[in-house]
Amino acid sequence: MIIRVWRAKVHKGMEVEFWSFIQAQAVPLMHRQPGLTALHVGSILWGGGEFVIVSTWKDLNALQTFAGEQWRDPFILPGEERFLIRAWVDHYHDQVASDHRPP
């Protein structure tokens, strides 16, 4: 299993509009992806204009099918760039799901 942690810093004053964009565009798109096993979306506590999308994928192939050849880079939807100061993404191997499955 692959954990993908996408983070973004949003221009001041655009946080509410960005949150609406994520709910209307990114979340439905991601929920339609084969191989997506979990999705968590949030914003930083106490404001600050930072958002996170944590997704888990069945395997690297499922993630690559969603994000394409540039899967190591942040996936930015059309119209999303206008909100962003910066976006970055990291990927992790899920050690617990892989190594500690119940018998």
PDB file of N, CA and C in Angstrom:
ATOM      1  N   MET A   1       0.846  -1.174   0.000  1.00  0.00           N
ATOM      2  CA  MET A   1       0.000   0.000   0.000  1.00  0.00           C
ATOM      3  C   MET A   1       0.891   1.237   0.000  1.00  0.00           C
ATOM      4  N   ILE A   2       0.444   2.275  -0.722  1.00  0.00           N
ATOM      5  CA  ILE A   2       1.182   3.534  -0.852  1.00  0.00           C
ATOM      6  C   ILE A   2       0.380   4.653  -0.188  1.00  0.00           C
ATOM      7  N   ILE A   3       1.058   5.451   0.617  1.00  0.00           N
ATOM      8  CA  ILE A   3       0.449   6.640   1.224  1.00  0.00           C
ATOM      9  C   ILE A   3       0.965   7.853   0.453  1.00  0.00           C
ATOM     10  N   ARG A   4       0.062   8.690   0.001  1.00  0.00           N
ATOM     11  CA  ARG A   4       0.415   9.921  -0.714  1.00  0.00           C
ATOM     12  C   ARG A   4      -0.045  11.103   0.148  1.00  0.00           C
ATOM     13  N   VAL A   5       0.897  11.986   0.467  1.00  0.00           N
ATOM     14  CA  VAL A   5       0.593  13.165   1.281  1.00  0.00           C
ATOM     15  C   VAL A   5       0.832  14.402   0.425  1.00  0.00           C
ATOM     16  N   TRP A   6      -0.268  15.014  -0.003  1.00  0.00           N
ATOM     17  CA  TRP A   6      -0.238  16.223  -0.840  1.00  0.00           C
ATOM     18  C   TRP A   6      -0.545  17.400   0.055  1.00  0.00           C
ATOM     19  N   ARG A   7       0.316  18.410   0.008  1.00  0.00           N
ATOM     20  CA  ARG A   7       0.105  19.595   0.839  1.00  0.00           C
ATOM     21  C   ARG A   7       0.174  20.837  -0.030  1.00  0.00           C
ATOM     22  N   ALA A   8      -0.541  21.876   0.414  1.00  0.00           N
ATOM     23  CA  ALA A   8      -0.553  23.133  -0.338  1.00  0.00           C
ATOM     24  C   ALA A   8      -0.684  24.311   0.615  1.00  0.00           C
ATOM     25  N   LYS A   9      -0.022  25.374   0.248  1.00  0.00           N
ATOM     26  CA  LYS A   9      -0.164  26.671   0.918  1.00  0.00           C
ATOM     27  C   LYS A   9      -0.949  27.547  -0.042  1.00  0.00           C
ATOM     28  N   VAL A  10      -2.029  28.165   0.474  1.00  0.00           N
ATOM     29  CA  VAL A  10      -2.981  28.915  -0.348  1.00  0.00           C
ATOM     30  C   VAL A  10      -2.834  30.414  -0.064  1.00  0.00           C
ATOM     31  N   HIS A  11      -3.050  31.217  -1.097  1.00  0.00           N
ATOM     32  CA  HIS A  11      -3.001  32.671  -0.939  1.00  0.00           C
ATOM     33  C   HIS A  11      -3.974  33.129   0.145  1.00  0.00           C
ATOM     34  N   LYS A  12      -3.528  34.075   0.939  1.00  0.00           N
ATOM     35  CA  LYS A  12      -4.347  34.626   2.022  1.00  0.00           C
ATOM     36  C   LYS A  12      -5.658  35.177   1.445  1.00  0.00           C
ATOM     37  N   GLY A  13      -6.740  34.869   2.119  1.00  0.00           N
ATOM     38  CA  GLY A  13      -8.055  35.321   1.691  1.00  0.00           C
ATOM     39  C   GLY A  13      -8.738  34.383   0.711  1.00  0.00           C
ATOM     40  N   MET A  14      -8.037  33.324   0.250  1.00  0.00           N
ATOM     41  CA  MET A  14      -8.632  32.389  -0.712  1.00  0.00           C
ATOM     42  C   MET A  14      -8.930  31.025  -0.085  1.00  0.00           C
ATOM     43  N   GLU A  15      -8.783  30.931   1.223  1.00  0.00           N
ATOM     44  CA  GLU A  15      -8.933  29.642   1.886  1.00  0.00           C
ATOM     45  C   GLU A  15     -10.339  29.051   1.724  1.00  0.00           C
ATOM     46  N   VAL A  16     -11.360  29.844   1.917  1.00  0.00           N
ATOM     47  CA  VAL A  16     -12.741  29.335   1.827  1.00  0.00           C
ATOM     48  C   VAL A  16     -13.054  28.899   0.397  1.00  0.00           C
ATOM     49  N   GLU A  17     -12.652  29.711  -0.558  1.00  0.00           N
ATOM     50  CA  GLU A  17     -12.888  29.369  -1.963  1.00  0.00           C
ATOM     51  C   GLU A  17     -12.111  28.116  -2.358  1.00  0.00           C
ATOM     52  N   PHE A  18     -10.881  27.992  -1.871  1.00  0.00           N
ATOM     53  CA  PHE A  18     -10.083  26.799  -2.166  1.00  0.00           C
ATOM     54  C   PHE A  18     -10.742  25.557  -1.563  1.00  0.00           C
ATOM     55  N   TRP A  19     -11.202  25.663  -0.331  1.00  0.00           N
ATOM     56  CA  TRP A  19     -11.863  24.537   0.316  1.00  0.00           C
ATOM     57  C   TRP A  19     -13.087  24.099  -0.495  1.00  0.00           C
ATOM     58  N   SER A  20     -13.867  25.054  -0.990  1.00  0.00           N
ATOM     59  CA  SER A  20     -15.020  24.728  -1.837  1.00  0.00           C
ATOM     60  C   SER A  20     -14.577  24.036  -3.119  1.00  0.00           C
ATOM     61  N   PHE A  21     -13.494  24.514  -3.707  1.00  0.00           N
ATOM     62  CA  PHE A  21     -12.946  23.909  -4.925  1.00  0.00           C
ATOM     63  C   PHE A  21     -12.550  22.452  -4.662  1.00  0.00           C
ATOM     64  N   ILE A  22     -11.845  22.212  -3.569  1.00  0.00           N
ATOM     65  CA  ILE A  22     -11.405  20.852  -3.230  1.00  0.00           C
ATOM     66  C   ILE A  22     -12.617  19.933  -3.054  1.00  0.00           C
ATOM     67  N   GLN A  23     -13.620  20.408  -2.332  1.00  0.00           N
ATOM     68  CA  GLN A  23     -14.809  19.592  -2.091  1.00  0.00           C
ATOM     69  C   GLN A  23     -15.580  19.308  -3.382  1.00  0.00           C
ATOM     70  N   ALA A  24     -15.624  20.286  -4.281  1.00  0.00           N
ATOM     71  CA  ALA A  24     -16.400  20.121  -5.514  1.00  0.00           C
ATOM     72  C   ALA A  24     -15.636  19.382  -6.615  1.00  0.00           C
ATOM     73  N   GLN A  25     -14.308  19.531  -6.643  1.00  0.00           N
ATOM     74  CA  GLN A  25     -13.522  18.992  -7.754  1.00  0.00           C
ATOM     75  C   GLN A  25     -12.633  17.811  -7.351  1.00  0.00           C
ATOM     76  N   ALA A  26     -11.733  18.026  -6.402  1.00  0.00           N
ATOM     77  CA  ALA A  26     -10.715  17.016  -6.086  1.00  0.00           C
ATOM     78  C   ALA A  26     -11.304  15.782  -5.404  1.00  0.00           C
ATOM     79  N   VAL A  27     -12.143  15.995  -4.405  1.00  0.00           N
ATOM     80  CA  VAL A  27     -12.669  14.854  -3.653  1.00  0.00           C
ATOM     81  C   VAL A  27     -13.492  13.915  -4.550  1.00  0.00           C
ATOM     82  N   PRO A  28     -14.444  14.424  -5.321  1.00  0.00           N
ATOM     83  CA  PRO A  28     -15.196  13.505  -6.196  1.00  0.00           C
ATOM     84  C   PRO A  28     -14.300  12.800  -7.219  1.00  0.00           C
ATOM     85  N   LEU A  29     -13.336  13.527  -7.782  1.00  0.00           N
ATOM     86  CA  LEU A  29     -12.418  12.907  -8.746  1.00  0.00           C
ATOM     87  C   LEU A  29     -11.646  11.761  -8.103  1.00  0.00           C
ATOM     88  N   MET A  30     -11.117  12.000  -6.927  1.00  0.00           N
ATOM     89  CA  MET A  30     -10.316  10.968  -6.268  1.00  0.00           C
ATOM     90  C   MET A  30     -11.166   9.771  -5.860  1.00  0.00           C
ATOM     91  N   HIS A  31     -12.374  10.014  -5.396  1.00  0.00           N
ATOM     92  CA  HIS A  31     -13.243   8.900  -5.003  1.00  0.00           C
ATOM     93  C   HIS A  31     -13.595   7.984  -6.174  1.00  0.00           C
ATOM     94  N   ARG A  32     -13.503   8.485  -7.383  1.00  0.00           N
ATOM     95  CA  ARG A  32     -13.794   7.660  -8.570  1.00  0.00           C
ATOM     96  C   ARG A  32     -12.601   6.808  -9.009  1.00  0.00           C
ATOM     97  N   GLN A  33     -11.450   6.969  -8.384  1.00  0.00           N
ATOM     98  CA  GLN A  33     -10.245   6.288  -8.856  1.00  0.00           C
ATOM     99  C   GLN A  33     -10.168   4.849  -8.369  1.00  0.00           C
ATOM    100  N   PRO A  34      -9.965   3.911  -9.303  1.00  0.00           N
ATOM    101  CA  PRO A  34      -9.753   2.519  -8.894  1.00  0.00           C
ATOM    102  C   PRO A  34      -8.448   2.431  -8.103  1.00  0.00           C
ATOM    103  N   GLY A  35      -8.451   1.668  -7.052  1.00  0.00           N
ATOM    104  CA  GLY A  35      -7.238   1.475  -6.268  1.00  0.00           C
ATOM    105  C   GLY A  35      -7.078   2.441  -5.109  1.00  0.00           C
ATOM    106  N   LEU A  36      -7.924   3.473  -5.025  1.00  0.00           N
ATOM    107  CA  LEU A  36      -7.905   4.367  -3.869  1.00  0.00           C
ATOM    108  C   LEU A  36      -8.539   3.617  -2.702  1.00  0.00           C
ATOM    109  N   THR A  37      -7.822   3.526  -1.580  1.00  0.00           N
ATOM    110  CA  THR A  37      -8.353   2.780  -0.441  1.00  0.00           C
ATOM    111  C   THR A  37      -8.811   3.682   0.700  1.00  0.00           C
ATOM    112  N   ALA A  38      -8.309   4.917   0.762  1.00  0.00           N
ATOM    113  CA  ALA A  38      -8.742   5.864   1.797  1.00  0.00           C
ATOM    114  C   ALA A  38      -8.396   7.271   1.354  1.00  0.00           C
ATOM    115  N   LEU A  39      -9.180   8.230   1.850  1.00  0.00           N
ATOM    116  CA  LEU A  39      -8.946   9.632   1.514  1.00  0.00           C
ATOM    117  C   LEU A  39      -9.276  10.488   2.728  1.00  0.00           C
ATOM    118  N   HIS A  40      -8.331  11.350   3.098  1.00  0.00           N
ATOM    119  CA  HIS A  40      -8.516  12.282   4.213  1.00  0.00           C
ATOM    120  C   HIS A  40      -8.106  13.663   3.720  1.00  0.00           C
ATOM    121  N   VAL A  41      -8.953  14.646   3.968  1.00  0.00           N
ATOM    122  CA  VAL A  41      -8.699  16.014   3.515  1.00  0.00           C
ATOM    123  C   VAL A  41      -8.850  16.934   4.715  1.00  0.00           C
ATOM    124  N   GLY A  42      -7.885  17.842   4.896  1.00  0.00           N
ATOM    125  CA  GLY A  42      -7.985  18.736   6.038  1.00  0.00           C
ATOM    126  C   GLY A  42      -7.230  20.030   5.841  1.00  0.00           C
ATOM    127  N   SER A  43      -7.447  20.921   6.792  1.00  0.00           N
ATOM    128  CA  SER A  43      -6.715  22.189   6.809  1.00  0.00           C
ATOM    129  C   SER A  43      -5.999  22.291   8.148  1.00  0.00           C
ATOM    130  N   ILE A  44      -4.942  23.079   8.155  1.00  0.00           N
ATOM    131  CA  ILE A  44      -4.126  23.205   9.349  1.00  0.00           C
ATOM    132  C   ILE A  44      -4.939  23.833  10.479  1.00  0.00           C
ATOM    133  N   LEU A  45      -4.720  23.356  11.671  1.00  0.00           N
ATOM    134  CA  LEU A  45      -5.415  23.913  12.834  1.00  0.00           C
ATOM    135  C   LEU A  45      -5.065  25.381  13.000  1.00  0.00           C
ATOM    136  N   TRP A  46      -6.012  26.159  13.440  1.00  0.00           N
ATOM    137  CA  TRP A  46      -5.821  27.577  13.747  1.00  0.00           C
ATOM    138  C   TRP A  46      -5.464  28.416  12.526  1.00  0.00           C
ATOM    139  N   GLY A  47      -5.955  28.062  11.364  1.00  0.00           N
ATOM    140  CA  GLY A  47      -5.748  28.876  10.175  1.00  0.00           C
ATOM    141  C   GLY A  47      -4.353  28.744   9.598  1.00  0.00           C
ATOM    142  N   GLY A  48      -3.998  29.647   8.755  1.00  0.00           N
ATOM    143  CA  GLY A  48      -2.671  29.600   8.160  1.00  0.00           C
ATOM    144  C   GLY A  48      -2.663  29.245   6.690  1.00  0.00           C
ATOM    145  N   GLY A  49      -3.813  28.866   6.150  1.00  0.00           N
ATOM    146  CA  GLY A  49      -3.912  28.648   4.712  1.00  0.00           C
ATOM    147  C   GLY A  49      -3.181  27.427   4.186  1.00  0.00           C
ATOM    148  N   GLU A  50      -2.974  26.419   5.025  1.00  0.00           N
ATOM    149  CA  GLU A  50      -2.322  25.198   4.558  1.00  0.00           C
ATOM    150  C   GLU A  50      -3.321  24.049   4.593  1.00  0.00           C
ATOM    151  N   PHE A  51      -3.300  23.251   3.527  1.00  0.00           N
ATOM    152  CA  PHE A  51      -4.233  22.136   3.374  1.00  0.00           C
ATOM    153  C   PHE A  51      -3.455  20.859   3.104  1.00  0.00           C
ATOM    154  N   VAL A  52      -4.083  19.728   3.427  1.00  0.00           N
ATOM    155  CA  VAL A  52      -3.468  18.432   3.193  1.00  0.00           C
ATOM    156  C   VAL A  52      -4.515  17.463   2.636  1.00  0.00           C
ATOM    157  N   ILE A  53      -4.061  16.648   1.705  1.00  0.00           N
ATOM    158  CA  ILE A  53      -4.862  15.517   1.218  1.00  0.00           C
ATOM    159  C   ILE A  53      -3.991  14.281   1.400  1.00  0.00           C
ATOM    160  N   VAL A  54      -4.448  13.375   2.259  1.00  0.00           N
ATOM    161  CA  VAL A  54      -3.741  12.119   2.480  1.00  0.00           C
ATOM    162  C   VAL A  54      -4.574  11.019   1.841  1.00  0.00           C
ATOM    163  N   SER A  55      -3.967  10.349   0.892  1.00  0.00           N
ATOM    164  CA  SER A  55      -4.671   9.261   0.212  1.00  0.00           C
ATOM    165  C   SER A  55      -3.834   7.996   0.314  1.00  0.00           C
ATOM    166  N   THR A  56      -4.517   6.864   0.358  1.00  0.00           N
ATOM    167  CA  THR A  56      -3.800   5.599   0.314  1.00  0.00           C
ATOM    168  C   THR A  56      -4.272   4.835  -0.920  1.00  0.00           C
ATOM    169  N   TRP A  57      -3.315   4.142  -1.503  1.00  0.00           N
ATOM    170  CA  TRP A  57      -3.532   3.460  -2.779  1.00  0.00           C
ATOM    171  C   TRP A  57      -3.142   1.995  -2.643  1.00  0.00           C
ATOM    172  N   LYS A  58      -3.880   1.148  -3.326  1.00  0.00           N
ATOM    173  CA  LYS A  58      -3.649  -0.294  -3.292  1.00  0.00           C
ATOM    174  C   LYS A  58      -2.194  -0.635  -3.626  1.00  0.00           C
ATOM    175  N   ASP A  59      -1.661   0.047  -4.635  1.00  0.00           N
ATOM    176  CA  ASP A  59      -0.275  -0.183  -5.046  1.00  0.00           C
ATOM    177  C   ASP A  59       0.193   0.994  -5.900  1.00  0.00           C
ATOM    178  N   LEU A  60       1.442   0.959  -6.283  1.00  0.00           N
ATOM    179  CA  LEU A  60       2.015   2.052  -7.063  1.00  0.00           C
ATOM    180  C   LEU A  60       1.336   2.175  -8.425  1.00  0.00           C
ATOM    181  N   ASN A  61       0.945   1.077  -9.023  1.00  0.00           N
ATOM    182  CA  ASN A  61       0.261   1.124 -10.311  1.00  0.00           C
ATOM    183  C   ASN A  61      -1.042   1.917 -10.222  1.00  0.00           C
ATOM    184  N   ALA A  62      -1.807   1.727  -9.149  1.00  0.00           N
ATOM    185  CA  ALA A  62      -3.059   2.469  -8.975  1.00  0.00           C
ATOM    186  C   ALA A  62      -2.791   3.961  -8.838  1.00  0.00           C
ATOM    187  N   LEU A  63      -1.770   4.314  -8.082  1.00  0.00           N
ATOM    188  CA  LEU A  63      -1.400   5.721  -7.931  1.00  0.00           C
ATOM    189  C   LEU A  63      -0.967   6.316  -9.268  1.00  0.00           C
ATOM    190  N   GLN A  64      -0.157   5.586 -10.013  1.00  0.00           N
ATOM    191  CA  GLN A  64       0.315   6.075 -11.309  1.00  0.00           C
ATOM    192  C   GLN A  64      -0.830   6.211 -12.308  1.00  0.00           C
ATOM    193  N   THR A  65      -1.812   5.346 -12.234  1.00  0.00           N
ATOM    194  CA  THR A  65      -2.979   5.465 -13.109  1.00  0.00           C
ATOM    195  C   THR A  65      -3.713   6.777 -12.835  1.00  0.00           C
ATOM    196  N   PHE A  66      -3.811   7.150 -11.574  1.00  0.00           N
ATOM    197  CA  PHE A  66      -4.453   8.414 -11.203  1.00  0.00           C
ATOM    198  C   PHE A  66      -3.588   9.616 -11.563  1.00  0.00           C
ATOM    199  N   ALA A  67      -2.335   9.631 -11.128  1.00  0.00           N
ATOM    200  CA  ALA A  67      -1.489  10.827 -11.217  1.00  0.00           C
ATOM    201  C   ALA A  67      -0.657  10.909 -12.499  1.00  0.00           C
ATOM    202  N   GLY A  68      -0.554   9.823 -13.237  1.00  0.00           N
ATOM    203  CA  GLY A  68       0.188   9.838 -14.489  1.00  0.00           C
ATOM    204  C   GLY A  68       1.691   9.656 -14.318  1.00  0.00           C
ATOM    205  N   GLU A  69       2.406   9.891 -15.412  1.00  0.00           N
ATOM    206  CA  GLU A  69       3.857   9.695 -15.418  1.00  0.00           C
ATOM    207  C   GLU A  69       4.581  10.585 -14.420  1.00  0.00           C
ATOM    208  N   GLN A  70       4.007  11.733 -14.133  1.00  0.00           N
ATOM    209  CA  GLN A  70       4.624  12.679 -13.195  1.00  0.00           C
ATOM    210  C   GLN A  70       4.076  12.479 -11.776  1.00  0.00           C
ATOM    211  N   TRP A  71       3.825  11.242 -11.393  1.00  0.00           N
ATOM    212  CA  TRP A  71       3.193  10.938 -10.109  1.00  0.00           C
ATOM    213  C   TRP A  71       3.996  11.432  -8.914  1.00  0.00           C
ATOM    214  N   ARG A  72       5.291  11.660  -9.085  1.00  0.00           N
ATOM    215  CA  ARG A  72       6.121  12.165  -7.988  1.00  0.00           C
ATOM    216  C   ARG A  72       5.910  13.655  -7.740  1.00  0.00           C
ATOM    217  N   ASP A  73       5.231  14.324  -8.657  1.00  0.00           N
ATOM    218  CA  ASP A  73       4.953  15.758  -8.549  1.00  0.00           C
ATOM    219  C   ASP A  73       3.525  15.970  -8.051  1.00  0.00           C
ATOM    220  N   PRO A  74       3.250  17.138  -7.461  1.00  0.00           N
ATOM    221  CA  PRO A  74       1.869  17.419  -7.044  1.00  0.00           C
ATOM    222  C   PRO A  74       0.933  17.405  -8.247  1.00  0.00           C
ATOM    223  N   PHE A  75      -0.195  16.762  -8.090  1.00  0.00           N
ATOM    224  CA  PHE A  75      -1.224  16.730  -9.126  1.00  0.00           C
ATOM    225  C   PHE A  75      -2.090  17.968  -8.924  1.00  0.00           C
ATOM    226  N   ILE A  76      -2.103  18.864  -9.910  1.00  0.00           N
ATOM    227  CA  ILE A  76      -2.838  20.122  -9.822  1.00  0.00           C
ATOM    228  C   ILE A  76      -3.967  20.095 -10.857  1.00  0.00           C
ATOM    229  N   LEU A  77      -5.176  20.289 -10.401  1.00  0.00           N
ATOM    230  CA  LEU A  77      -6.328  20.304 -11.299  1.00  0.00           C
ATOM    231  C   LEU A  77      -6.398  21.615 -12.081  1.00  0.00           C
ATOM    232  N   PRO A  78      -7.021  21.603 -13.248  1.00  0.00           N
ATOM    233  CA  PRO A  78      -7.239  22.861 -13.970  1.00  0.00           C
ATOM    234  C   PRO A  78      -8.007  23.851 -13.084  1.00  0.00           C
ATOM    235  N   GLY A  79      -7.534  25.073 -13.023  1.00  0.00           N
ATOM    236  CA  GLY A  79      -8.161  26.103 -12.203  1.00  0.00           C
ATOM    237  C   GLY A  79      -7.649  26.164 -10.780  1.00  0.00           C
ATOM    238  N   GLU A  80      -6.885  25.186 -10.376  1.00  0.00           N
ATOM    239  CA  GLU A  80      -6.396  25.121  -8.993  1.00  0.00           C
ATOM    240  C   GLU A  80      -5.182  26.026  -8.756  1.00  0.00           C
ATOM    241  N   GLU A  81      -4.371  26.233  -9.769  1.00  0.00           N
ATOM    242  CA  GLU A  81      -3.126  26.996  -9.610  1.00  0.00           C
ATOM    243  C   GLU A  81      -3.354  28.395  -9.068  1.00  0.00           C
ATOM    244  N   ARG A  82      -4.461  29.003  -9.405  1.00  0.00           N
ATOM    245  CA  ARG A  82      -4.701  30.388  -8.976  1.00  0.00           C
ATOM    246  C   ARG A  82      -4.779  30.536  -7.459  1.00  0.00           C
ATOM    247  N   PHE A  83      -5.072  29.438  -6.752  1.00  0.00           N
ATOM    248  CA  PHE A  83      -5.155  29.468  -5.294  1.00  0.00           C
ATOM    249  C   PHE A  83      -3.789  29.291  -4.624  1.00  0.00           C
ATOM    250  N   LEU A  84      -2.865  28.655  -5.329  1.00  0.00           N
ATOM    251  CA  LEU A  84      -1.679  28.098  -4.697  1.00  0.00           C
ATOM    252  C   LEU A  84      -0.478  29.028  -4.650  1.00  0.00           C
ATOM    253  N   ILE A  85       0.130  29.119  -3.488  1.00  0.00           N
ATOM    254  CA  ILE A  85       1.466  29.697  -3.345  1.00  0.00           C
ATOM    255  C   ILE A  85       2.484  28.603  -3.636  1.00  0.00           C
ATOM    256  N   ARG A  86       2.192  27.416  -3.079  1.00  0.00           N
ATOM    257  CA  ARG A  86       3.106  26.285  -3.221  1.00  0.00           C
ATOM    258  C   ARG A  86       2.325  24.999  -2.984  1.00  0.00           C
ATOM    259  N   ALA A  87       2.689  23.945  -3.693  1.00  0.00           N
ATOM    260  CA  ALA A  87       2.145  22.611  -3.446  1.00  0.00           C
ATOM    261  C   ALA A  87       3.296  21.614  -3.503  1.00  0.00           C
ATOM    262  N   TRP A  88       3.236  20.604  -2.655  1.00  0.00           N
ATOM    263  CA  TRP A  88       4.273  19.585  -2.649  1.00  0.00           C
ATOM    264  C   TRP A  88       3.639  18.258  -2.246  1.00  0.00           C
ATOM    265  N   VAL A  89       4.334  17.182  -2.585  1.00  0.00           N
ATOM    266  CA  VAL A  89       3.789  15.847  -2.330  1.00  0.00           C
ATOM    267  C   VAL A  89       4.924  14.912  -1.912  1.00  0.00           C
ATOM    268  N   ASP A  90       4.587  13.993  -1.010  1.00  0.00           N
ATOM    269  CA  ASP A  90       5.515  12.947  -0.589  1.00  0.00           C
ATOM    270  C   ASP A  90       4.782  11.620  -0.623  1.00  0.00           C
ATOM    271  N   HIS A  91       5.546  10.554  -0.769  1.00  0.00           N
ATOM    272  CA  HIS A  91       4.973   9.215  -0.852  1.00  0.00           C
ATOM    273  C   HIS A  91       5.659   8.311   0.164  1.00  0.00           C
ATOM    274  N   TYR A  92       4.874   7.406   0.733  1.00  0.00           N
ATOM    275  CA  TYR A  92       5.368   6.512   1.774  1.00  0.00           C
ATOM    276  C   TYR A  92       4.834   5.108   1.546  1.00  0.00           C
ATOM    277  N   HIS A  93       5.643   4.130   1.929  1.00  0.00           N
ATOM    278  CA  HIS A  93       5.190   2.739   1.938  1.00  0.00           C
ATOM    279  C   HIS A  93       4.479   2.510   3.262  1.00  0.00           C
ATOM    280  N   ASP A  94       3.276   1.993   3.240  1.00  0.00           N
ATOM    281  CA  ASP A  94       2.507   1.759   4.458  1.00  0.00           C
ATOM    282  C   ASP A  94       3.019   0.490   5.132  1.00  0.00           C
ATOM    283  N   GLN A  95       3.869   0.649   6.119  1.00  0.00           N
ATOM    284  CA  GLN A  95       4.476  -0.480   6.816  1.00  0.00           C
ATOM    285  C   GLN A  95       3.455  -1.266   7.637  1.00  0.00           C
ATOM    286  N   VAL A  96       2.524  -0.604   8.280  1.00  0.00           N
ATOM    287  CA  VAL A  96       1.554  -1.302   9.127  1.00  0.00           C
ATOM    288  C   VAL A  96       0.613  -2.152   8.283  1.00  0.00           C
ATOM    289  N   ALA A  97       0.043  -1.563   7.248  1.00  0.00           N
ATOM    290  CA  ALA A  97      -0.898  -2.318   6.404  1.00  0.00           C
ATOM    291  C   ALA A  97      -0.200  -3.488   5.731  1.00  0.00           C
ATOM    292  N   SER A  98       1.080  -3.319   5.392  1.00  0.00           N
ATOM    293  CA  SER A  98       1.810  -4.370   4.677  1.00  0.00           C
ATOM    294  C   SER A  98       2.334  -5.449   5.598  1.00  0.00           C
ATOM    295  N   ASP A  99       2.794  -5.059   6.794  1.00  0.00           N
ATOM    296  CA  ASP A  99       3.499  -6.006   7.662  1.00  0.00           C
ATOM    297  C   ASP A  99       2.676  -6.575   8.801  1.00  0.00           C
ATOM    298  N   HIS A 100       1.562  -5.943   9.148  1.00  0.00           N
ATOM    299  CA  HIS A 100       0.841  -6.343  10.342  1.00  0.00           C
ATOM    300  C   HIS A 100      -0.619  -6.640  10.075  1.00  0.00           C
ATOM    301  N   ARG A 101      -0.882  -7.366   9.046  1.00  0.00           N
ATOM    302  CA  ARG A 101      -2.256  -7.754   8.767  1.00  0.00           C
ATOM    303  C   ARG A 101      -2.674  -8.860   9.736  1.00  0.00           C
ATOM    304  N   PRO A 102      -3.921  -8.829  10.162  1.00  0.00           N
ATOM    305  CA  PRO A 102      -4.383  -9.897  11.061  1.00  0.00           C
ATOM    306  C   PRO A 102      -4.340 -11.251  10.364  1.00  0.00           C
ATOM    307  N   PRO A 103      -4.159 -12.309  11.132  1.00  0.00           N
ATOM    308  CA  PRO A 103      -4.102 -13.667  10.509  1.00  0.00           C
ATOM    309  C   PRO A 103      -5.427 -14.077   9.905  1.00  0.00           C
TER     310      PRO A 103
END
